[in-house]
Amino acid sequence: MTDFLQSKGVRKIEINPGDEFDPALMDAVSIIDSTTEKPHTVVEVVEDGYLLGDTLIRPSKVVVSKRPSEVLSGE
């Protein structure tokens, strides 16, 4: 199935822990307090996201870090 989707132009969004959170490609499913990680950093990829060409099919679902006293916009 993966080969078929790739042949049609579908590709996985490459996101790794430590990457900066990008709301255009990611959904934050959880936000954790962290004094060791930079704020707005991906801590864990929960579910991979996919693009068809430059069109987002499904955003990556990620866990994002924040400073203990900080609240991300949109909360």
PDB file of N, CA and C in Angstrom:
ATOM      1  N   MET A   1       0.829  -1.197   0.000  1.00  0.00           N
ATOM      2  CA  MET A   1       0.000   0.000   0.000  1.00  0.00           C
ATOM      3  C   MET A   1       0.867   1.252   0.000  1.00  0.00           C
ATOM      4  N   THR A   2       1.933   1.256   0.800  1.00  0.00           N
ATOM      5  CA  THR A   2       2.808   2.422   0.881  1.00  0.00           C
ATOM      6  C   THR A   2       3.411   2.749  -0.484  1.00  0.00           C
ATOM      7  N   ASP A   3       3.853   1.728  -1.205  1.00  0.00           N
ATOM      8  CA  ASP A   3       4.425   1.954  -2.534  1.00  0.00           C
ATOM      9  C   ASP A   3       3.397   2.569  -3.473  1.00  0.00           C
ATOM     10  N   PHE A   4       2.149   2.109  -3.376  1.00  0.00           N
ATOM     11  CA  PHE A   4       1.091   2.653  -4.219  1.00  0.00           C
ATOM     12  C   PHE A   4       0.883   4.132  -3.926  1.00  0.00           C
ATOM     13  N   LEU A   5       0.778   4.482  -2.645  1.00  0.00           N
ATOM     14  CA  LEU A   5       0.566   5.880  -2.271  1.00  0.00           C
ATOM     15  C   LEU A   5       1.745   6.754  -2.702  1.00  0.00           C
ATOM     16  N   GLN A   6       2.962   6.250  -2.523  1.00  0.00           N
ATOM     17  CA  GLN A   6       4.145   6.996  -2.956  1.00  0.00           C
ATOM     18  C   GLN A   6       4.138   7.205  -4.461  1.00  0.00           C
ATOM     19  N   SER A   7       3.686   6.210  -5.211  1.00  0.00           N
ATOM     20  CA  SER A   7       3.642   6.341  -6.669  1.00  0.00           C
ATOM     21  C   SER A   7       2.630   7.395  -7.106  1.00  0.00           C
ATOM     22  N   LYS A   8       1.673   7.699  -6.250  1.00  0.00           N
ATOM     23  CA  LYS A   8       0.662   8.728  -6.535  1.00  0.00           C
ATOM     24  C   LYS A   8       1.062  10.095  -6.000  1.00  0.00           C
ATOM     25  N   GLY A   9       2.250  10.196  -5.378  1.00  0.00           N
ATOM     26  CA  GLY A   9       2.748  11.486  -4.898  1.00  0.00           C
ATOM     27  C   GLY A   9       2.518  11.769  -3.430  1.00  0.00           C
ATOM     28  N   VAL A  10       2.027  10.782  -2.687  1.00  0.00           N
ATOM     29  CA  VAL A  10       1.819  10.970  -1.247  1.00  0.00           C
ATOM     30  C   VAL A  10       3.150  10.730  -0.541  1.00  0.00           C
ATOM     31  N   ARG A  11       3.486  11.647   0.371  1.00  0.00           N
ATOM     32  CA  ARG A  11       4.728  11.470   1.121  1.00  0.00           C
ATOM     33  C   ARG A  11       4.517  11.830   2.582  1.00  0.00           C
ATOM     34  N   LYS A  12       5.263  11.127   3.427  1.00  0.00           N
ATOM     35  CA  LYS A  12       5.198  11.354   4.873  1.00  0.00           C
ATOM     36  C   LYS A  12       5.912  12.654   5.209  1.00  0.00           C
ATOM     37  N   ILE A  13       5.345  13.417   6.137  1.00  0.00           N
ATOM     38  CA  ILE A  13       5.989  14.626   6.635  1.00  0.00           C
ATOM     39  C   ILE A  13       7.072  14.182   7.612  1.00  0.00           C
ATOM     40  N   GLU A  14       8.300  14.597   7.341  1.00  0.00           N
ATOM     41  CA  GLU A  14       9.420  14.199   8.197  1.00  0.00           C
ATOM     42  C   GLU A  14       9.520  15.147   9.392  1.00  0.00           C
ATOM     43  N   ILE A  15       9.115  14.650  10.548  1.00  0.00           N
ATOM     44  CA  ILE A  15       9.169  15.417  11.793  1.00  0.00           C
ATOM     45  C   ILE A  15       9.848  14.548  12.840  1.00  0.00           C
ATOM     46  N   ASN A  16      10.736  15.150  13.592  1.00  0.00           N
ATOM     47  CA  ASN A  16      11.480  14.429  14.625  1.00  0.00           C
ATOM     48  C   ASN A  16      11.421  15.190  15.939  1.00  0.00           C
ATOM     49  N   PRO A  17      11.542  14.478  17.068  1.00  0.00           N
ATOM     50  CA  PRO A  17      11.659  15.172  18.345  1.00  0.00           C
ATOM     51  C   PRO A  17      12.801  16.188  18.273  1.00  0.00           C
ATOM     52  N   GLY A  18      12.532  17.369  18.809  1.00  0.00           N
ATOM     53  CA  GLY A  18      13.518  18.449  18.765  1.00  0.00           C
ATOM     54  C   GLY A  18      13.224  19.472  17.685  1.00  0.00           C
ATOM     55  N   ASP A  19      12.369  19.102  16.702  1.00  0.00           N
ATOM     56  CA  ASP A  19      11.975  20.061  15.673  1.00  0.00           C
ATOM     57  C   ASP A  19      11.058  21.123  16.271  1.00  0.00           C
ATOM     58  N   GLU A  20      11.060  22.304  15.683  1.00  0.00           N
ATOM     59  CA  GLU A  20      10.164  23.373  16.127  1.00  0.00           C
ATOM     60  C   GLU A  20       8.734  23.056  15.689  1.00  0.00           C
ATOM     61  N   PHE A  21       7.769  23.339  16.560  1.00  0.00           N
ATOM     62  CA  PHE A  21       6.363  23.115  16.246  1.00  0.00           C
ATOM     63  C   PHE A  21       5.933  24.015  15.099  1.00  0.00           C
ATOM     64  N   ASP A  22       5.302  23.435  14.074  1.00  0.00           N
ATOM     65  CA  ASP A  22       4.805  24.167  12.908  1.00  0.00           C
ATOM     66  C   ASP A  22       3.313  23.889  12.775  1.00  0.00           C
ATOM     67  N   PRO A  23       2.450  24.855  13.151  1.00  0.00           N
ATOM     68  CA  PRO A  23       1.010  24.615  13.111  1.00  0.00           C
ATOM     69  C   PRO A  23       0.455  24.389  11.709  1.00  0.00           C
ATOM     70  N   ALA A  24       1.214  24.735  10.679  1.00  0.00           N
ATOM     71  CA  ALA A  24       0.766  24.482   9.311  1.00  0.00           C
ATOM     72  C   ALA A  24       0.837  22.998   8.959  1.00  0.00           C
ATOM     73  N   LEU A  25       1.698  22.244   9.659  1.00  0.00           N
ATOM     74  CA  LEU A  25       1.888  20.826   9.350  1.00  0.00           C
ATOM     75  C   LEU A  25       1.574  19.899  10.521  1.00  0.00           C
ATOM     76  N   MET A  26       1.343  20.481  11.706  1.00  0.00           N
ATOM     77  CA  MET A  26       1.204  19.671  12.916  1.00  0.00           C
ATOM     78  C   MET A  26      -0.014  20.080  13.732  1.00  0.00           C
ATOM     79  N   ASP A  27      -0.576  19.094  14.426  1.00  0.00           N
ATOM     80  CA  ASP A  27      -1.583  19.329  15.460  1.00  0.00           C
ATOM     81  C   ASP A  27      -0.962  18.940  16.793  1.00  0.00           C
ATOM     82  N   ALA A  28      -1.023  19.834  17.762  1.00  0.00           N
ATOM     83  CA  ALA A  28      -0.521  19.513  19.109  1.00  0.00           C
ATOM     84  C   ALA A  28      -1.629  18.778  19.856  1.00  0.00           C
ATOM     85  N   VAL A  29      -1.422  17.488  20.094  1.00  0.00           N
ATOM     86  CA  VAL A  29      -2.423  16.697  20.812  1.00  0.00           C
ATOM     87  C   VAL A  29      -2.197  16.740  22.318  1.00  0.00           C
ATOM     88  N   SER A  30      -1.009  17.188  22.715  1.00  0.00           N
ATOM     89  CA  SER A  30      -0.694  17.339  24.129  1.00  0.00           C
ATOM     90  C   SER A  30       0.429  18.363  24.260  1.00  0.00           C
ATOM     91  N   ILE A  31       0.405  19.086  25.369  1.00  0.00           N
ATOM     92  CA  ILE A  31       1.451  20.069  25.659  1.00  0.00           C
ATOM     93  C   ILE A  31       1.978  19.757  27.046  1.00  0.00           C
ATOM     94  N   ILE A  32       3.306  19.615  27.153  1.00  0.00           N
ATOM     95  CA  ILE A  32       3.887  19.263  28.448  1.00  0.00           C
ATOM     96  C   ILE A  32       4.805  20.380  28.932  1.00  0.00           C
ATOM     97  N   ASP A  33       4.834  20.554  30.245  1.00  0.00           N
ATOM     98  CA  ASP A  33       5.782  21.486  30.864  1.00  0.00           C
ATOM     99  C   ASP A  33       7.180  20.880  30.787  1.00  0.00           C
ATOM    100  N   SER A  34       8.159  21.696  30.428  1.00  0.00           N
ATOM    101  CA  SER A  34       9.532  21.204  30.378  1.00  0.00           C
ATOM    102  C   SER A  34      10.502  22.335  30.664  1.00  0.00           C
ATOM    103  N   THR A  35      11.448  22.054  31.517  1.00  0.00           N
ATOM    104  CA  THR A  35      12.523  23.008  31.766  1.00  0.00           C
ATOM    105  C   THR A  35      13.780  22.602  31.004  1.00  0.00           C
ATOM    106  N   THR A  36      13.752  21.419  30.361  1.00  0.00           N
ATOM    107  CA  THR A  36      14.927  20.937  29.628  1.00  0.00           C
ATOM    108  C   THR A  36      14.794  21.119  28.119  1.00  0.00           C
ATOM    109  N   GLU A  37      13.575  21.113  27.601  1.00  0.00           N
ATOM    110  CA  GLU A  37      13.343  21.292  26.161  1.00  0.00           C
ATOM    111  C   GLU A  37      13.046  22.763  25.871  1.00  0.00           C
ATOM    112  N   LYS A  38      13.441  23.225  24.675  1.00  0.00           N
ATOM    113  CA  LYS A  38      13.080  24.582  24.266  1.00  0.00           C
ATOM    114  C   LYS A  38      11.565  24.666  24.112  1.00  0.00           C
ATOM    115  N   PRO A  39      10.965  25.824  24.418  1.00  0.00           N
ATOM    116  CA  PRO A  39       9.518  25.980  24.215  1.00  0.00           C
ATOM    117  C   PRO A  39       9.150  25.788  22.751  1.00  0.00           C
ATOM    118  N   HIS A  40       7.950  25.268  22.519  1.00  0.00           N
ATOM    119  CA  HIS A  40       7.389  25.067  21.175  1.00  0.00           C
ATOM    120  C   HIS A  40       8.190  24.050  20.375  1.00  0.00           C
ATOM    121  N   THR A  41       8.747  23.066  21.083  1.00  0.00           N
ATOM    122  CA  THR A  41       9.535  22.016  20.451  1.00  0.00           C
ATOM    123  C   THR A  41       8.769  20.703  20.485  1.00  0.00           C
ATOM    124  N   VAL A  42       8.851  19.934  19.396  1.00  0.00           N
ATOM    125  CA  VAL A  42       8.223  18.622  19.341  1.00  0.00           C
ATOM    126  C   VAL A  42       8.974  17.688  20.292  1.00  0.00           C
ATOM    127  N   VAL A  43       8.224  17.069  21.201  1.00  0.00           N
ATOM    128  CA  VAL A  43       8.797  16.121  22.146  1.00  0.00           C
ATOM    129  C   VAL A  43       8.579  14.694  21.638  1.00  0.00           C
ATOM    130  N   GLU A  44       7.417  14.460  21.006  1.00  0.00           N
ATOM    131  CA  GLU A  44       7.074  13.123  20.526  1.00  0.00           C
ATOM    132  C   GLU A  44       6.145  13.251  19.320  1.00  0.00           C
ATOM    133  N   VAL A  45       6.332  12.383  18.331  1.00  0.00           N
ATOM    134  CA  VAL A  45       5.410  12.288  17.200  1.00  0.00           C
ATOM    135  C   VAL A  45       4.448  11.145  17.515  1.00  0.00           C
ATOM    136  N   VAL A  46       3.165  11.478  17.670  1.00  0.00           N
ATOM    137  CA  VAL A  46       2.150  10.494  18.030  1.00  0.00           C
ATOM    138  C   VAL A  46       1.632   9.790  16.783  1.00  0.00           C
ATOM    139  N   GLU A  47       1.440  10.553  15.702  1.00  0.00           N
ATOM    140  CA  GLU A  47       0.934   9.990  14.447  1.00  0.00           C
ATOM    141  C   GLU A  47       1.540  10.764  13.286  1.00  0.00           C
ATOM    142  N   ASP A  48       2.041  10.035  12.292  1.00  0.00           N
ATOM    143  CA  ASP A  48       2.649  10.670  11.130  1.00  0.00           C
ATOM    144  C   ASP A  48       1.608  11.431  10.314  1.00  0.00           C
ATOM    145  N   GLY A  49       2.059  12.507   9.682  1.00  0.00           N
ATOM    146  CA  GLY A  49       1.224  13.279   8.770  1.00  0.00           C
ATOM    147  C   GLY A  49       1.685  13.043   7.345  1.00  0.00           C
ATOM    148  N   TYR A  50       0.825  13.445   6.384  1.00  0.00           N
ATOM    149  CA  TYR A  50       1.120  13.183   4.980  1.00  0.00           C
ATOM    150  C   TYR A  50       0.750  14.367   4.097  1.00  0.00           C
ATOM    151  N   LEU A  51       1.518  14.513   3.021  1.00  0.00           N
ATOM    152  CA  LEU A  51       1.287  15.524   1.993  1.00  0.00           C
ATOM    153  C   LEU A  51       1.032  14.829   0.662  1.00  0.00           C
ATOM    154  N   LEU A  52       0.206  15.447  -0.161  1.00  0.00           N
ATOM    155  CA  LEU A  52       0.042  15.052  -1.556  1.00  0.00           C
ATOM    156  C   LEU A  52       0.549  16.228  -2.359  1.00  0.00           C
ATOM    157  N   GLY A  53       1.770  16.110  -2.863  1.00  0.00           N
ATOM    158  CA  GLY A  53       2.430  17.264  -3.448  1.00  0.00           C
ATOM    159  C   GLY A  53       2.682  18.267  -2.342  1.00  0.00           C
ATOM    160  N   ASP A  54       2.132  19.475  -2.492  1.00  0.00           N
ATOM    161  CA  ASP A  54       2.261  20.495  -1.454  1.00  0.00           C
ATOM    162  C   ASP A  54       0.994  20.641  -0.613  1.00  0.00           C
ATOM    163  N   THR A  55       0.005  19.766  -0.846  1.00  0.00           N
ATOM    164  CA  THR A  55      -1.275  19.839  -0.145  1.00  0.00           C
ATOM    165  C   THR A  55      -1.265  18.909   1.071  1.00  0.00           C
ATOM    166  N   LEU A  56      -1.619  19.458   2.215  1.00  0.00           N
ATOM    167  CA  LEU A  56      -1.683  18.678   3.443  1.00  0.00           C
ATOM    168  C   LEU A  56      -2.880  17.746   3.402  1.00  0.00           C
ATOM    169  N   ILE A  57      -2.619  16.450   3.544  1.00  0.00           N
ATOM    170  CA  ILE A  57      -3.695  15.451   3.614  1.00  0.00           C
ATOM    171  C   ILE A  57      -4.080  15.223   5.069  1.00  0.00           C
ATOM    172  N   ARG A  58      -3.057  15.012   5.914  1.00  0.00           N
ATOM    173  CA  ARG A  58      -3.283  14.805   7.339  1.00  0.00           C
ATOM    174  C   ARG A  58      -2.106  15.401   8.095  1.00  0.00           C
ATOM    175  N   PRO A  59      -2.377  16.284   9.067  1.00  0.00           N
ATOM    176  CA  PRO A  59      -1.272  16.848   9.849  1.00  0.00           C
ATOM    177  C   PRO A  59      -0.667  15.792  10.775  1.00  0.00           C
ATOM    178  N   SER A  60       0.590  15.970  11.096  1.00  0.00           N
ATOM    179  CA  SER A  60       1.241  15.112  12.087  1.00  0.00           C
ATOM    180  C   SER A  60       0.698  15.480  13.461  1.00  0.00           C
ATOM    181  N   LYS A  61       0.452  14.480  14.273  1.00  0.00           N
ATOM    182  CA  LYS A  61      -0.017  14.718  15.637  1.00  0.00           C
ATOM    183  C   LYS A  61       1.186  14.584  16.559  1.00  0.00           C
ATOM    184  N   VAL A  62       1.424  15.651  17.339  1.00  0.00           N
ATOM    185  CA  VAL A  62       2.656  15.717  18.131  1.00  0.00           C
ATOM    186  C   VAL A  62       2.384  16.179  19.559  1.00  0.00           C
ATOM    187  N   VAL A  63       3.343  15.883  20.427  1.00  0.00           N
ATOM    188  CA  VAL A  63       3.384  16.412  21.791  1.00  0.00           C
ATOM    189  C   VAL A  63       4.405  17.538  21.767  1.00  0.00           C
ATOM    190  N   VAL A  64       4.035  18.694  22.334  1.00  0.00           N
ATOM    191  CA  VAL A  64       4.861  19.896  22.269  1.00  0.00           C
ATOM    192  C   VAL A  64       5.250  20.344  23.679  1.00  0.00           C
ATOM    193  N   SER A  65       6.451  20.895  23.802  1.00  0.00           N
ATOM    194  CA  SER A  65       6.920  21.387  25.103  1.00  0.00           C
ATOM    195  C   SER A  65       6.588  22.867  25.280  1.00  0.00           C
ATOM    196  N   LYS A  66       6.506  23.265  26.544  1.00  0.00           N
ATOM    197  CA  LYS A  66       6.350  24.680  26.891  1.00  0.00           C
ATOM    198  C   LYS A  66       7.005  24.899  28.240  1.00  0.00           C
ATOM    199  N   ARG A  67       7.308  26.126  28.533  1.00  0.00           N
ATOM    200  CA  ARG A  67       7.817  26.476  29.854  1.00  0.00           C
ATOM    201  C   ARG A  67       6.682  26.288  30.862  1.00  0.00           C
ATOM    202  N   PRO A  68       6.978  25.926  32.084  1.00  0.00           N
ATOM    203  CA  PRO A  68       5.925  25.659  33.066  1.00  0.00           C
ATOM    204  C   PRO A  68       4.918  26.786  33.245  1.00  0.00           C
ATOM    205  N   SER A  69       5.307  28.052  33.135  1.00  0.00           N
ATOM    206  CA  SER A  69       4.368  29.149  33.355  1.00  0.00           C
ATOM    207  C   SER A  69       3.773  29.686  32.063  1.00  0.00           C
ATOM    208  N   GLU A  70       4.129  29.106  30.915  1.00  0.00           N
ATOM    209  CA  GLU A  70       3.727  29.618  29.617  1.00  0.00           C
ATOM    210  C   GLU A  70       2.467  28.899  29.115  1.00  0.00           C
ATOM    211  N   VAL A  71       1.633  29.614  28.384  1.00  0.00           N
ATOM    212  CA  VAL A  71       0.478  29.026  27.730  1.00  0.00           C
ATOM    213  C   VAL A  71       0.596  29.335  26.253  1.00  0.00           C
ATOM    214  N   LEU A  72       0.502  28.283  25.385  1.00  0.00           N
ATOM    215  CA  LEU A  72       0.575  28.498  23.940  1.00  0.00           C
ATOM    216  C   LEU A  72      -0.672  29.210  23.463  1.00  0.00           C
ATOM    217  N   SER A  73      -0.541  30.043  22.427  1.00  0.00           N
ATOM    218  CA  SER A  73      -1.705  30.727  21.872  1.00  0.00           C
ATOM    219  C   SER A  73      -2.684  29.690  21.358  1.00  0.00           C
ATOM    220  N   GLY A  74      -3.962  29.963  21.507  1.00  0.00           N
ATOM    221  CA  GLY A  74      -4.993  29.041  21.073  1.00  0.00           C
ATOM    222  C   GLY A  74      -5.506  28.143  22.184  1.00  0.00           C
ATOM    223  N   GLU A  75      -4.903  28.202  23.351  1.00  0.00           N
ATOM    224  CA  GLU A  75      -5.384  27.391  24.473  1.00  0.00           C
ATOM    225  C   GLU A  75      -6.442  28.143  25.237  1.00  0.00           C
TER     226      GLU A  75
END
